[in-house]
PDB file of N, CA and C in Angstrom:
ATOM      1  N   MET A   1      -9.966 -24.821   0.502  1.00  0.00           N
ATOM      2  CA  MET A   1     -10.280 -24.868   1.814  1.00  0.00           C
ATOM      3  C   MET A   1      -9.503 -23.173   1.977  1.00  0.00           C
ATOM      4  N   ARG A   2     -10.325 -22.098   2.175  1.00  0.00           N
ATOM      5  CA  ARG A   2      -9.541 -20.834   2.534  1.00  0.00           C
ATOM      6  C   ARG A   2      -9.040 -20.505   3.942  1.00  0.00           C
ATOM      7  N   ARG A   3      -7.882 -19.909   3.955  1.00  0.00           N
ATOM      8  CA  ARG A   3      -7.401 -19.738   5.406  1.00  0.00           C
ATOM      9  C   ARG A   3      -7.295 -18.478   5.687  1.00  0.00           C
ATOM     10  N   VAL A   4      -7.889 -18.126   7.096  1.00  0.00           N
ATOM     11  CA  VAL A   4      -8.223 -16.960   7.359  1.00  0.00           C
ATOM     12  C   VAL A   4      -7.468 -16.720   8.180  1.00  0.00           C
ATOM     13  N   LYS A   5      -6.456 -15.418   8.177  1.00  0.00           N
ATOM     14  CA  LYS A   5      -5.333 -15.002   8.841  1.00  0.00           C
ATOM     15  C   LYS A   5      -5.914 -14.333  10.165  1.00  0.00           C
ATOM     16  N   SER A   6      -5.536 -14.596  11.370  1.00  0.00           N
ATOM     17  CA  SER A   6      -5.730 -13.913  12.463  1.00  0.00           C
ATOM     18  C   SER A   6      -5.036 -12.473  12.458  1.00  0.00           C
ATOM     19  N   LYS A   7      -5.687 -11.735  13.770  1.00  0.00           N
ATOM     20  CA  LYS A   7      -5.534 -10.496  13.608  1.00  0.00           C
ATOM     21  C   LYS A   7      -3.968 -10.363  14.396  1.00  0.00           C
ATOM     22  N   ALA A   8      -3.756 -11.447  15.400  1.00  0.00           N
ATOM     23  CA  ALA A   8      -2.226 -11.680  16.022  1.00  0.00           C
ATOM     24  C   ALA A   8      -1.736 -11.618  14.666  1.00  0.00           C
ATOM     25  N   TYR A   9      -1.618 -12.741  13.757  1.00  0.00           N
ATOM     26  CA  TYR A   9      -0.750 -12.928  12.566  1.00  0.00           C
ATOM     27  C   TYR A   9      -0.515 -11.488  11.592  1.00  0.00           C
ATOM     28  N   LEU A  10      -1.498 -10.784  11.458  1.00  0.00           N
ATOM     29  CA  LEU A  10      -1.619  -9.346  10.677  1.00  0.00           C
ATOM     30  C   LEU A  10      -0.784  -8.534  11.042  1.00  0.00           C
ATOM     31  N   ASP A  11      -0.755  -8.253  12.816  1.00  0.00           N
ATOM     32  CA  ASP A  11      -0.159  -7.289  13.356  1.00  0.00           C
ATOM     33  C   ASP A  11       1.192  -7.772  13.391  1.00  0.00           C
ATOM     34  N   TYR A  12       1.501  -8.796  13.528  1.00  0.00           N
ATOM     35  CA  TYR A  12       2.953  -9.429  13.603  1.00  0.00           C
ATOM     36  C   TYR A  12       3.433  -9.021  12.318  1.00  0.00           C
ATOM     37  N   SER A  13       2.762  -9.700  11.050  1.00  0.00           N
ATOM     38  CA  SER A  13       3.316  -9.502   9.553  1.00  0.00           C
ATOM     39  C   SER A  13       3.813  -8.012   9.290  1.00  0.00           C
ATOM     40  N   LYS A  14       3.052  -7.172   9.567  1.00  0.00           N
ATOM     41  CA  LYS A  14       3.009  -5.418   9.435  1.00  0.00           C
ATOM     42  C   LYS A  14       4.289  -5.140   9.520  1.00  0.00           C
ATOM     43  N   ASN A  15       4.882  -5.612  10.658  1.00  0.00           N
ATOM     44  CA  ASN A  15       6.394  -5.409  11.267  1.00  0.00           C
ATOM     45  C   ASN A  15       7.217  -6.515  10.991  1.00  0.00           C
ATOM     46  N   PHE A  16       6.861  -7.640  10.323  1.00  0.00           N
ATOM     47  CA  PHE A  16       7.535  -8.508   9.965  1.00  0.00           C
ATOM     48  C   PHE A  16       9.073  -8.330   9.713  1.00  0.00           C
ATOM     49  N   PRO A  17       9.984  -9.153  10.286  1.00  0.00           N
ATOM     50  CA  PRO A  17      10.115  -9.558  11.644  1.00  0.00           C
ATOM     51  C   PRO A  17      10.720  -7.934  12.626  1.00  0.00           C
ATOM     52  N   ASN A  18       9.960  -7.424  12.590  1.00  0.00           N
ATOM     53  CA  ASN A  18      10.402  -6.032  13.860  1.00  0.00           C
ATOM     54  C   ASN A  18      11.358  -5.340  12.585  1.00  0.00           C
ATOM     55  N   LEU A  19      10.939  -5.263  11.721  1.00  0.00           N
ATOM     56  CA  LEU A  19      11.698  -4.356  10.630  1.00  0.00           C
ATOM     57  C   LEU A  19      11.425  -2.971  10.560  1.00  0.00           C
ATOM     58  N   ASN A  20      10.241  -2.719  11.274  1.00  0.00           N
ATOM     59  CA  ASN A  20       9.438  -1.431  11.124  1.00  0.00           C
ATOM     60  C   ASN A  20       9.589  -0.659   9.738  1.00  0.00           C
ATOM     61  N   THR A  21       8.678  -1.502   8.912  1.00  0.00           N
ATOM     62  CA  THR A  21       8.788  -1.071   7.373  1.00  0.00           C
ATOM     63  C   THR A  21       7.526  -0.346   7.136  1.00  0.00           C
ATOM     64  N   PHE A  22       6.713   0.058   8.622  1.00  0.00           N
ATOM     65  CA  PHE A  22       5.433   1.049   8.100  1.00  0.00           C
ATOM     66  C   PHE A  22       5.720   2.366   7.968  1.00  0.00           C
ATOM     67  N   TRP A  23       6.924   2.971   8.276  1.00  0.00           N
ATOM     68  CA  TRP A  23       7.261   3.826   8.036  1.00  0.00           C
ATOM     69  C   TRP A  23       8.844   3.905   7.170  1.00  0.00           C
ATOM     70  N   ILE A  24       9.162   4.580   6.131  1.00  0.00           N
ATOM     71  CA  ILE A  24      10.574   4.322   5.565  1.00  0.00           C
ATOM     72  C   ILE A  24      10.951   5.933   5.213  1.00  0.00           C
ATOM     73  N   PRO A  25      11.957   6.258   6.152  1.00  0.00           N
ATOM     74  CA  PRO A  25      12.273   7.958   6.063  1.00  0.00           C
ATOM     75  C   PRO A  25      12.543   8.188   4.559  1.00  0.00           C
ATOM     76  N   SER A  26      12.253   9.539   4.324  1.00  0.00           N
ATOM     77  CA  SER A  26      12.819   9.904   2.817  1.00  0.00           C
ATOM     78  C   SER A  26      14.114  10.427   2.775  1.00  0.00           C
ATOM     79  N   ASP A  27      14.776  11.192   3.896  1.00  0.00           N
ATOM     80  CA  ASP A  27      16.070  11.251   4.225  1.00  0.00           C
ATOM     81  C   ASP A  27      17.161  10.841   4.586  1.00  0.00           C
ATOM     82  N   THR A  28      17.776   9.943   3.789  1.00  0.00           N
ATOM     83  CA  THR A  28      18.591   9.059   3.763  1.00  0.00           C
ATOM     84  C   THR A  28      20.085   8.817   3.535  1.00  0.00           C
ATOM     85  N   GLY A  29      20.895   8.242   4.033  1.00  0.00           N
ATOM     86  CA  GLY A  29      22.448   8.232   3.484  1.00  0.00           C
ATOM     87  C   GLY A  29      22.735   6.950   2.944  1.00  0.00           C
ATOM     88  N   LYS A  30      24.131   6.427   2.801  1.00  0.00           N
ATOM     89  CA  LYS A  30      24.106   4.854   2.394  1.00  0.00           C
ATOM     90  C   LYS A  30      23.732   4.063   3.195  1.00  0.00           C
ATOM     91  N   TYR A  31      23.395   2.877   2.737  1.00  0.00           N
ATOM     92  CA  TYR A  31      22.378   1.840   2.794  1.00  0.00           C
ATOM     93  C   TYR A  31      21.167   2.289   3.715  1.00  0.00           C
ATOM     94  N   GLY A  32      20.372   3.245   3.071  1.00  0.00           N
ATOM     95  CA  GLY A  32      19.278   4.037   3.715  1.00  0.00           C
ATOM     96  C   GLY A  32      19.162   4.027   4.921  1.00  0.00           C
ATOM     97  N   ILE A  33      20.444   4.494   5.444  1.00  0.00           N
ATOM     98  CA  ILE A  33      20.148   5.163   7.033  1.00  0.00           C
ATOM     99  C   ILE A  33      19.746   6.111   7.027  1.00  0.00           C
ATOM    100  N   PRO A  34      18.950   6.538   7.801  1.00  0.00           N
ATOM    101  CA  PRO A  34      18.305   7.620   8.186  1.00  0.00           C
ATOM    102  C   PRO A  34      19.404   8.844   8.438  1.00  0.00           C
ATOM    103  N   ILE A  35      19.118  10.006   7.980  1.00  0.00           N
ATOM    104  CA  ILE A  35      20.066  11.397   8.243  1.00  0.00           C
ATOM    105  C   ILE A  35      18.959  11.990   9.247  1.00  0.00           C
ATOM    106  N   LEU A  36      19.760  12.053  10.446  1.00  0.00           N
ATOM    107  CA  LEU A  36      19.168  13.077  11.431  1.00  0.00           C
ATOM    108  C   LEU A  36      19.701  14.576  11.601  1.00  0.00           C
ATOM    109  N   GLN A  37      18.729  15.263  11.873  1.00  0.00           N
ATOM    110  CA  GLN A  37      19.197  16.877  11.744  1.00  0.00           C
ATOM    111  C   GLN A  37      19.651  17.204  13.165  1.00  0.00           C
ATOM    112  N   LYS A  38      20.633  17.997  13.034  1.00  0.00           N
ATOM    113  CA  LYS A  38      21.308  18.423  14.453  1.00  0.00           C
ATOM    114  C   LYS A  38      20.344  19.268  15.229  1.00  0.00           C
ATOM    115  N   VAL A  39      20.409  19.115  16.525  1.00  0.00           N
ATOM    116  CA  VAL A  39      19.528  19.722  17.658  1.00  0.00           C
ATOM    117  C   VAL A  39      20.014  20.555  18.605  1.00  0.00           C
ATOM    118  N   ASN A  40      20.277  21.776  18.919  1.00  0.00           N
ATOM    119  CA  ASN A  40      21.006  22.306  19.929  1.00  0.00           C
ATOM    120  C   ASN A  40      19.875  22.646  21.026  1.00  0.00           C
ATOM    121  N   LEU A  41      20.142  21.645  22.012  1.00  0.00           N
ATOM    122  CA  LEU A  41      19.327  21.563  23.101  1.00  0.00           C
ATOM    123  C   LEU A  41      20.357  21.232  23.859  1.00  0.00           C
ATOM    124  N   LYS A  42      20.294  21.552  25.510  1.00  0.00           N
ATOM    125  CA  LYS A  42      21.126  21.395  26.607  1.00  0.00           C
ATOM    126  C   LYS A  42      20.373  21.376  27.463  1.00  0.00           C
ATOM    127  N   PRO A  43      20.000  19.850  27.612  1.00  0.00           N
ATOM    128  CA  PRO A  43      18.825  19.559  29.045  1.00  0.00           C
ATOM    129  C   PRO A  43      19.705  19.743  30.613  1.00  0.00           C
ATOM    130  N   ASP A  44      18.773  20.419  31.531  1.00  0.00           N
ATOM    131  CA  ASP A  44      19.403  20.393  32.805  1.00  0.00           C
ATOM    132  C   ASP A  44      19.548  19.225  33.488  1.00  0.00           C
ATOM    133  N   GLU A  45      18.356  18.306  33.289  1.00  0.00           N
ATOM    134  CA  GLU A  45      18.560  16.872  33.992  1.00  0.00           C
ATOM    135  C   GLU A  45      18.440  15.675  32.679  1.00  0.00           C
ATOM    136  N   LEU A  46      18.855  14.480  32.993  1.00  0.00           N
ATOM    137  CA  LEU A  46      18.840  13.346  32.305  1.00  0.00           C
ATOM    138  C   LEU A  46      18.119  12.320  33.024  1.00  0.00           C
ATOM    139  N   CYS A  47      17.356  11.516  32.500  1.00  0.00           N
ATOM    140  CA  CYS A  47      16.434  10.506  33.182  1.00  0.00           C
ATOM    141  C   CYS A  47      16.681   9.122  32.059  1.00  0.00           C
ATOM    142  N   PRO A  48      17.624   8.107  32.856  1.00  0.00           N
ATOM    143  CA  PRO A  48      17.585   7.357  32.245  1.00  0.00           C
ATOM    144  C   PRO A  48      16.272   6.492  31.564  1.00  0.00           C
ATOM    145  N   TYR A  49      16.209   5.547  30.749  1.00  0.00           N
ATOM    146  CA  TYR A  49      14.931   5.077  30.077  1.00  0.00           C
ATOM    147  C   TYR A  49      14.339   4.069  30.982  1.00  0.00           C
ATOM    148  N   ASP A  50      15.138   3.186  31.752  1.00  0.00           N
ATOM    149  CA  ASP A  50      14.847   2.299  32.869  1.00  0.00           C
ATOM    150  C   ASP A  50      14.459   2.791  34.137  1.00  0.00           C
ATOM    151  N   GLU A  51      14.539   4.265  34.145  1.00  0.00           N
ATOM    152  CA  GLU A  51      13.821   4.820  35.223  1.00  0.00           C
ATOM    153  C   GLU A  51      12.353   6.036  35.041  1.00  0.00           C
ATOM    154  N   ARG A  52      11.948   5.675  34.078  1.00  0.00           N
ATOM    155  CA  ARG A  52      11.169   6.506  33.452  1.00  0.00           C
ATOM    156  C   ARG A  52       9.778   6.793  33.863  1.00  0.00           C
ATOM    157  N   ARG A  53       9.493   5.572  34.461  1.00  0.00           N
ATOM    158  CA  ARG A  53       8.203   5.440  35.339  1.00  0.00           C
ATOM    159  C   ARG A  53       8.484   5.643  36.992  1.00  0.00           C
ATOM    160  N   LYS A  54       9.526   6.112  37.306  1.00  0.00           N
ATOM    161  CA  LYS A  54       9.824   6.398  38.810  1.00  0.00           C
ATOM    162  C   LYS A  54       8.602   7.682  39.157  1.00  0.00           C
ATOM    163  N   SER A  55       7.668   7.416  39.743  1.00  0.00           N
ATOM    164  CA  SER A  55       6.880   8.586  40.079  1.00  0.00           C
ATOM    165  C   SER A  55       7.384   9.635  41.334  1.00  0.00           C
ATOM    166  N   ASP A  56       8.202   8.867  42.031  1.00  0.00           N
ATOM    167  CA  ASP A  56       8.648   9.847  42.930  1.00  0.00           C
ATOM    168  C   ASP A  56      10.056  10.824  42.790  1.00  0.00           C
ATOM    169  N   GLU A  57      10.595  10.450  41.598  1.00  0.00           N
ATOM    170  CA  GLU A  57      11.641  11.132  40.971  1.00  0.00           C
ATOM    171  C   GLU A  57      10.936  12.075  40.028  1.00  0.00           C
ATOM    172  N   TYR A  58      10.188  11.657  39.225  1.00  0.00           N
ATOM    173  CA  TYR A  58       9.561  12.483  37.803  1.00  0.00           C
ATOM    174  C   TYR A  58       8.218  12.308  38.100  1.00  0.00           C
ATOM    175  N   ASP A  59       7.862  13.609  37.940  1.00  0.00           N
ATOM    176  CA  ASP A  59       6.144  13.850  37.971  1.00  0.00           C
ATOM    177  C   ASP A  59       5.638  13.349  37.123  1.00  0.00           C
ATOM    178  N   LYS A  60       4.135  13.182  36.856  1.00  0.00           N
ATOM    179  CA  LYS A  60       3.307  12.773  35.606  1.00  0.00           C
ATOM    180  C   LYS A  60       3.335  13.750  34.844  1.00  0.00           C
ATOM    181  N   ASP A  61       3.603  15.137  34.990  1.00  0.00           N
ATOM    182  CA  ASP A  61       3.675  16.095  34.041  1.00  0.00           C
ATOM    183  C   ASP A  61       4.824  16.250  32.848  1.00  0.00           C
ATOM    184  N   LEU A  62       4.667  17.175  32.028  1.00  0.00           N
ATOM    185  CA  LEU A  62       5.574  17.138  30.890  1.00  0.00           C
ATOM    186  C   LEU A  62       6.778  17.524  31.800  1.00  0.00           C
ATOM    187  N   LEU A  63       8.068  16.819  31.714  1.00  0.00           N
ATOM    188  CA  LEU A  63       9.439  17.004  32.302  1.00  0.00           C
ATOM    189  C   LEU A  63       9.946  17.848  31.563  1.00  0.00           C
ATOM    190  N   GLU A  64      10.126  19.516  31.775  1.00  0.00           N
ATOM    191  CA  GLU A  64      10.760  20.658  30.841  1.00  0.00           C
ATOM    192  C   GLU A  64      12.422  20.210  31.354  1.00  0.00           C
ATOM    193  N   ASN A  65      12.695  20.447  30.383  1.00  0.00           N
ATOM    194  CA  ASN A  65      14.471  20.670  30.208  1.00  0.00           C
ATOM    195  C   ASN A  65      15.015  19.185  30.946  1.00  0.00           C
ATOM    196  N   VAL A  66      14.211  18.105  30.822  1.00  0.00           N
ATOM    197  CA  VAL A  66      14.514  16.569  31.041  1.00  0.00           C
ATOM    198  C   VAL A  66      14.576  15.927  29.926  1.00  0.00           C
ATOM    199  N   ALA A  67      15.747  15.451  29.754  1.00  0.00           N
ATOM    200  CA  ALA A  67      15.842  14.391  28.067  1.00  0.00           C
ATOM    201  C   ALA A  67      16.168  13.080  28.738  1.00  0.00           C
ATOM    202  N   LEU A  68      15.257  12.097  28.127  1.00  0.00           N
ATOM    203  CA  LEU A  68      15.284  10.844  28.149  1.00  0.00           C
ATOM    204  C   LEU A  68      16.342  10.314  27.560  1.00  0.00           C
ATOM    205  N   HIS A  69      17.167   9.294  27.739  1.00  0.00           N
ATOM    206  CA  HIS A  69      18.562   8.815  27.348  1.00  0.00           C
ATOM    207  C   HIS A  69      18.308   7.512  27.543  1.00  0.00           C
ATOM    208  N   PHE A  70      18.897   6.868  26.720  1.00  0.00           N
ATOM    209  CA  PHE A  70      19.231   5.507  26.333  1.00  0.00           C
ATOM    210  C   PHE A  70      20.763   4.525  26.332  1.00  0.00           C
ATOM    211  N   PHE A  71      21.314   5.249  27.400  1.00  0.00           N
ATOM    212  CA  PHE A  71      22.824   5.144  27.553  1.00  0.00           C
ATOM    213  C   PHE A  71      22.824   4.024  28.533  1.00  0.00           C
ATOM    214  N   MET A  72      22.633   2.773  28.104  1.00  0.00           N
ATOM    215  CA  MET A  72      22.206   1.672  28.937  1.00  0.00           C
ATOM    216  C   MET A  72      22.582   0.219  28.397  1.00  0.00           C
ATOM    217  N   THR A  73      22.550  -0.813  28.660  1.00  0.00           N
ATOM    218  CA  THR A  73      22.707  -2.069  27.970  1.00  0.00           C
ATOM    219  C   THR A  73      21.235  -2.244  27.464  1.00  0.00           C
ATOM    220  N   ASP A  74      21.284  -2.889  26.011  1.00  0.00           N
ATOM    221  CA  ASP A  74      20.608  -2.797  24.859  1.00  0.00           C
ATOM    222  C   ASP A  74      19.209  -3.653  25.352  1.00  0.00           C
ATOM    223  N   HIS A  75      19.395  -4.571  26.217  1.00  0.00           N
ATOM    224  CA  HIS A  75      17.897  -5.237  26.349  1.00  0.00           C
ATOM    225  C   HIS A  75      17.156  -4.230  27.537  1.00  0.00           C
ATOM    226  N   TRP A  76      17.637  -3.644  27.959  1.00  0.00           N
ATOM    227  CA  TRP A  76      16.794  -2.252  28.679  1.00  0.00           C
ATOM    228  C   TRP A  76      15.644  -1.776  27.771  1.00  0.00           C
ATOM    229  N   PHE A  77      16.009  -1.266  26.554  1.00  0.00           N
ATOM    230  CA  PHE A  77      15.064  -0.589  25.653  1.00  0.00           C
ATOM    231  C   PHE A  77      14.835  -1.289  24.421  1.00  0.00           C
ATOM    232  N   ASN A  78      15.133  -2.700  24.119  1.00  0.00           N
ATOM    233  CA  ASN A  78      14.679  -3.171  22.951  1.00  0.00           C
ATOM    234  C   ASN A  78      13.400  -3.172  22.431  1.00  0.00           C
ATOM    235  N   SER A  79      12.189  -2.896  23.568  1.00  0.00           N
ATOM    236  CA  SER A  79      11.241  -2.571  23.106  1.00  0.00           C
ATOM    237  C   SER A  79      11.027  -1.509  22.640  1.00  0.00           C
ATOM    238  N   VAL A  80      11.591  -0.475  22.610  1.00  0.00           N
ATOM    239  CA  VAL A  80      11.494   0.659  21.867  1.00  0.00           C
ATOM    240  C   VAL A  80      11.408   0.292  20.289  1.00  0.00           C
ATOM    241  N   TRP A  81      12.247  -0.319  19.877  1.00  0.00           N
ATOM    242  CA  TRP A  81      12.338  -0.918  18.661  1.00  0.00           C
ATOM    243  C   TRP A  81      11.337  -1.758  18.419  1.00  0.00           C
ATOM    244  N   THR A  82      11.161  -2.743  19.221  1.00  0.00           N
ATOM    245  CA  THR A  82       9.863  -3.729  18.966  1.00  0.00           C
ATOM    246  C   THR A  82       8.445  -3.353  18.873  1.00  0.00           C
ATOM    247  N   TYR A  83       8.285  -2.359  19.777  1.00  0.00           N
ATOM    248  CA  TYR A  83       7.035  -1.753  19.513  1.00  0.00           C
ATOM    249  C   TYR A  83       7.154  -0.153  20.103  1.00  0.00           C
ATOM    250  N   PRO A  84       7.562   0.721  18.723  1.00  0.00           N
ATOM    251  CA  PRO A  84       7.747   1.834  18.502  1.00  0.00           C
ATOM    252  C   PRO A  84       6.902   2.962  19.086  1.00  0.00           C
ATOM    253  N   GLU A  85       5.570   2.281  18.111  1.00  0.00           N
ATOM    254  CA  GLU A  85       4.174   3.477  18.511  1.00  0.00           C
ATOM    255  C   GLU A  85       3.902   3.346  19.933  1.00  0.00           C
ATOM    256  N   ARG A  86       3.817   2.129  20.686  1.00  0.00           N
ATOM    257  CA  ARG A  86       3.230   2.247  21.913  1.00  0.00           C
ATOM    258  C   ARG A  86       4.418   2.750  23.237  1.00  0.00           C
ATOM    259  N   ALA A  87       5.964   2.682  22.727  1.00  0.00           N
ATOM    260  CA  ALA A  87       6.904   3.269  23.430  1.00  0.00           C
ATOM    261  C   ALA A  87       6.871   4.748  23.133  1.00  0.00           C
ATOM    262  N   PHE A  88       6.932   5.424  22.317  1.00  0.00           N
ATOM    263  CA  PHE A  88       7.038   6.688  21.968  1.00  0.00           C
ATOM    264  C   PHE A  88       5.556   7.440  22.264  1.00  0.00           C
ATOM    265  N   GLN A  89       4.592   6.887  22.298  1.00  0.00           N
ATOM    266  CA  GLN A  89       3.408   7.551  23.063  1.00  0.00           C
ATOM    267  C   GLN A  89       3.388   7.504  24.263  1.00  0.00           C
ATOM    268  N   SER A  90       4.063   6.576  25.350  1.00  0.00           N
ATOM    269  CA  SER A  90       4.375   6.808  26.638  1.00  0.00           C
ATOM    270  C   SER A  90       5.382   7.611  27.226  1.00  0.00           C
ATOM    271  N   ILE A  91       6.490   8.168  26.238  1.00  0.00           N
ATOM    272  CA  ILE A  91       7.644   8.792  26.415  1.00  0.00           C
ATOM    273  C   ILE A  91       7.441  10.251  25.720  1.00  0.00           C
ATOM    274  N   CYS A  92       7.185  10.539  24.642  1.00  0.00           N
ATOM    275  CA  CYS A  92       7.291  11.787  24.222  1.00  0.00           C
ATOM    276  C   CYS A  92       6.315  12.835  24.571  1.00  0.00           C
ATOM    277  N   CYS A  93       4.909  12.068  25.431  1.00  0.00           N
ATOM    278  CA  CYS A  93       4.328  13.232  25.817  1.00  0.00           C
ATOM    279  C   CYS A  93       4.605  13.534  27.537  1.00  0.00           C
ATOM    280  N   ARG A  94       5.873  13.047  27.734  1.00  0.00           N
ATOM    281  CA  ARG A  94       6.238  13.461  29.044  1.00  0.00           C
ATOM    282  C   ARG A  94       7.491  14.088  29.421  1.00  0.00           C
ATOM    283  N   PHE A  95       8.520  13.857  28.343  1.00  0.00           N
ATOM    284  CA  PHE A  95       9.787  14.243  27.984  1.00  0.00           C
ATOM    285  C   PHE A  95      10.088  15.726  27.452  1.00  0.00           C
ATOM    286  N   ASP A  96      10.630  16.475  27.532  1.00  0.00           N
ATOM    287  CA  ASP A  96      10.714  17.629  26.973  1.00  0.00           C
ATOM    288  C   ASP A  96      11.855  17.250  25.937  1.00  0.00           C
ATOM    289  N   CYS A  97      12.456  16.490  25.828  1.00  0.00           N
ATOM    290  CA  CYS A  97      13.529  15.825  24.725  1.00  0.00           C
ATOM    291  C   CYS A  97      13.738  14.333  25.218  1.00  0.00           C
ATOM    292  N   VAL A  98      13.806  13.721  24.098  1.00  0.00           N
ATOM    293  CA  VAL A  98      14.285  12.136  23.972  1.00  0.00           C
ATOM    294  C   VAL A  98      15.584  12.264  22.926  1.00  0.00           C
ATOM    295  N   ILE A  99      16.693  11.636  23.855  1.00  0.00           N
ATOM    296  CA  ILE A  99      17.929  11.290  23.275  1.00  0.00           C
ATOM    297  C   ILE A  99      17.862  10.048  22.206  1.00  0.00           C
ATOM    298  N   SER A 100      18.067  10.061  21.038  1.00  0.00           N
ATOM    299  CA  SER A 100      17.934   8.943  20.249  1.00  0.00           C
ATOM    300  C   SER A 100      18.858   7.821  21.131  1.00  0.00           C
ATOM    301  N   PRO A 101      17.999   6.664  20.805  1.00  0.00           N
ATOM    302  CA  PRO A 101      18.586   5.450  21.400  1.00  0.00           C
ATOM    303  C   PRO A 101      19.914   4.966  20.804  1.00  0.00           C
ATOM    304  N   ASP A 102      20.517   4.109  21.978  1.00  0.00           N
ATOM    305  CA  ASP A 102      21.845   3.635  21.404  1.00  0.00           C
ATOM    306  C   ASP A 102      21.969   2.397  21.461  1.00  0.00           C
ATOM    307  N   PHE A 103      21.788   1.521  20.402  1.00  0.00           N
ATOM    308  CA  PHE A 103      22.228   0.117  20.481  1.00  0.00           C
ATOM    309  C   PHE A 103      23.606   0.197  20.245  1.00  0.00           C
ATOM    310  N   SER A 104      24.030  -1.044  20.890  1.00  0.00           N
ATOM    311  CA  SER A 104      25.676  -1.106  20.858  1.00  0.00           C
ATOM    312  C   SER A 104      25.766  -1.401  19.526  1.00  0.00           C
ATOM    313  N   LEU A 105      27.506  -1.035  19.587  1.00  0.00           N
ATOM    314  CA  LEU A 105      28.169  -0.729  18.025  1.00  0.00           C
ATOM    315  C   LEU A 105      29.710  -1.471  18.515  1.00  0.00           C
ATOM    316  N   TYR A 106      29.775  -2.486  18.963  1.00  0.00           N
ATOM    317  CA  TYR A 106      30.959  -2.984  19.245  1.00  0.00           C
ATOM    318  C   TYR A 106      32.112  -3.245  18.064  1.00  0.00           C
ATOM    319  N   ARG A 107      33.289  -2.891  18.205  1.00  0.00           N
ATOM    320  CA  ARG A 107      34.079  -3.104  16.936  1.00  0.00           C
ATOM    321  C   ARG A 107      34.275  -4.442  16.817  1.00  0.00           C
ATOM    322  N   ASP A 108      34.384  -5.507  17.407  1.00  0.00           N
ATOM    323  CA  ASP A 108      34.505  -6.945  17.356  1.00  0.00           C
ATOM    324  C   ASP A 108      33.181  -7.678  16.457  1.00  0.00           C
ATOM    325  N   TRP A 109      32.137  -6.609  16.671  1.00  0.00           N
ATOM    326  CA  TRP A 109      31.142  -7.483  15.927  1.00  0.00           C
ATOM    327  C   TRP A 109      31.196  -7.446  14.535  1.00  0.00           C
ATOM    328  N   PRO A 110      30.260  -8.409  13.504  1.00  0.00           N
ATOM    329  CA  PRO A 110      30.188  -8.072  12.032  1.00  0.00           C
ATOM    330  C   PRO A 110      30.015  -7.040  11.995  1.00  0.00           C
ATOM    331  N   LEU A 111      30.268  -6.436  10.579  1.00  0.00           N
ATOM    332  CA  LEU A 111      30.063  -4.997   9.938  1.00  0.00           C
ATOM    333  C   LEU A 111      28.466  -5.146   9.713  1.00  0.00           C
ATOM    334  N   SER A 112      27.925  -6.104   9.410  1.00  0.00           N
ATOM    335  CA  SER A 112      26.488  -6.264   9.128  1.00  0.00           C
ATOM    336  C   SER A 112      25.621  -5.853  10.426  1.00  0.00           C
ATOM    337  N   ILE A 113      25.865  -6.237  11.370  1.00  0.00           N
ATOM    338  CA  ILE A 113      25.472  -6.121  12.483  1.00  0.00           C
ATOM    339  C   ILE A 113      25.452  -4.702  13.220  1.00  0.00           C
ATOM    340  N   GLN A 114      26.901  -3.977  12.933  1.00  0.00           N
ATOM    341  CA  GLN A 114      27.334  -2.765  13.479  1.00  0.00           C
ATOM    342  C   GLN A 114      26.256  -2.055  12.271  1.00  0.00           C
ATOM    343  N   ILE A 115      26.113  -2.375  11.226  1.00  0.00           N
ATOM    344  CA  ILE A 115      24.944  -1.452   9.908  1.00  0.00           C
ATOM    345  C   ILE A 115      23.624  -1.308  10.665  1.00  0.00           C
ATOM    346  N   TRP A 116      23.338  -2.492  10.539  1.00  0.00           N
ATOM    347  CA  TRP A 116      22.200  -2.904  11.701  1.00  0.00           C
ATOM    348  C   TRP A 116      21.707  -2.073  12.768  1.00  0.00           C
ATOM    349  N   ASN A 117      22.110  -2.019  13.768  1.00  0.00           N
ATOM    350  CA  ASN A 117      22.535  -1.222  15.060  1.00  0.00           C
ATOM    351  C   ASN A 117      22.262   0.181  14.722  1.00  0.00           C
ATOM    352  N   THR A 118      23.116   0.641  13.657  1.00  0.00           N
ATOM    353  CA  THR A 118      23.229   1.972  13.252  1.00  0.00           C
ATOM    354  C   THR A 118      21.634   2.464  12.482  1.00  0.00           C
ATOM    355  N   TYR A 119      21.253   1.547  11.958  1.00  0.00           N
ATOM    356  CA  TYR A 119      20.197   1.920  11.006  1.00  0.00           C
ATOM    357  C   TYR A 119      19.036   2.048  12.046  1.00  0.00           C
ATOM    358  N   ARG A 120      19.061   1.048  13.279  1.00  0.00           N
ATOM    359  CA  ARG A 120      17.908   1.071  14.200  1.00  0.00           C
ATOM    360  C   ARG A 120      18.161   2.350  15.164  1.00  0.00           C
ATOM    361  N   ASN A 121      19.269   2.883  15.502  1.00  0.00           N
ATOM    362  CA  ASN A 121      19.339   3.853  16.561  1.00  0.00           C
ATOM    363  C   ASN A 121      18.810   5.027  15.713  1.00  0.00           C
ATOM    364  N   ARG A 122      18.951   5.347  14.291  1.00  0.00           N
ATOM    365  CA  ARG A 122      18.952   6.557  13.430  1.00  0.00           C
ATOM    366  C   ARG A 122      17.378   6.122  12.918  1.00  0.00           C
ATOM    367  N   TRP A 123      16.846   5.276  12.628  1.00  0.00           N
ATOM    368  CA  TRP A 123      15.336   5.171  12.463  1.00  0.00           C
ATOM    369  C   TRP A 123      14.761   5.459  13.768  1.00  0.00           C
ATOM    370  N   LEU A 124      14.712   5.135  14.456  1.00  0.00           N
ATOM    371  CA  LEU A 124      13.973   5.610  15.876  1.00  0.00           C
ATOM    372  C   LEU A 124      14.275   6.756  16.049  1.00  0.00           C
ATOM    373  N   GLY A 125      15.675   7.636  16.008  1.00  0.00           N
ATOM    374  CA  GLY A 125      15.798   8.877  16.150  1.00  0.00           C
ATOM    375  C   GLY A 125      15.326   9.791  15.234  1.00  0.00           C
ATOM    376  N   SER A 126      14.953   9.235  13.976  1.00  0.00           N
ATOM    377  CA  SER A 126      14.182  10.242  13.171  1.00  0.00           C
ATOM    378  C   SER A 126      12.747  10.046  12.932  1.00  0.00           C
ATOM    379  N   TRP A 127      12.281   8.918  13.781  1.00  0.00           N
ATOM    380  CA  TRP A 127      10.740   8.776  13.608  1.00  0.00           C
ATOM    381  C   TRP A 127      10.155   9.358  14.867  1.00  0.00           C
TER     382      TRP A 127
END
């Protein structure tokens, strides 16, 4: 009997398990962590990721000189890592600048988790 894999399984397995292997950056350093290029930009205003949809404060057009930031608890923006294509379609067309996500790097966490979160920060920043 031949098994047919469902579309949901194929979508899940493409990023299994949310490793975002659909794109591997070419410019990497130790452990394959992407190297980000320096950008000199000084935005006039910062918008937190969890407030990106508030229409009374931010209109629906491109927000010039407004940077979207991720300086908040990780669970608020974990969906950016889980669904990067969907997340960036909605934010990159609205904000003039997006600051690279900032997954936590606590000193008392195991080194492997710190390396993993550094990888996720840089991968999203370079993508």
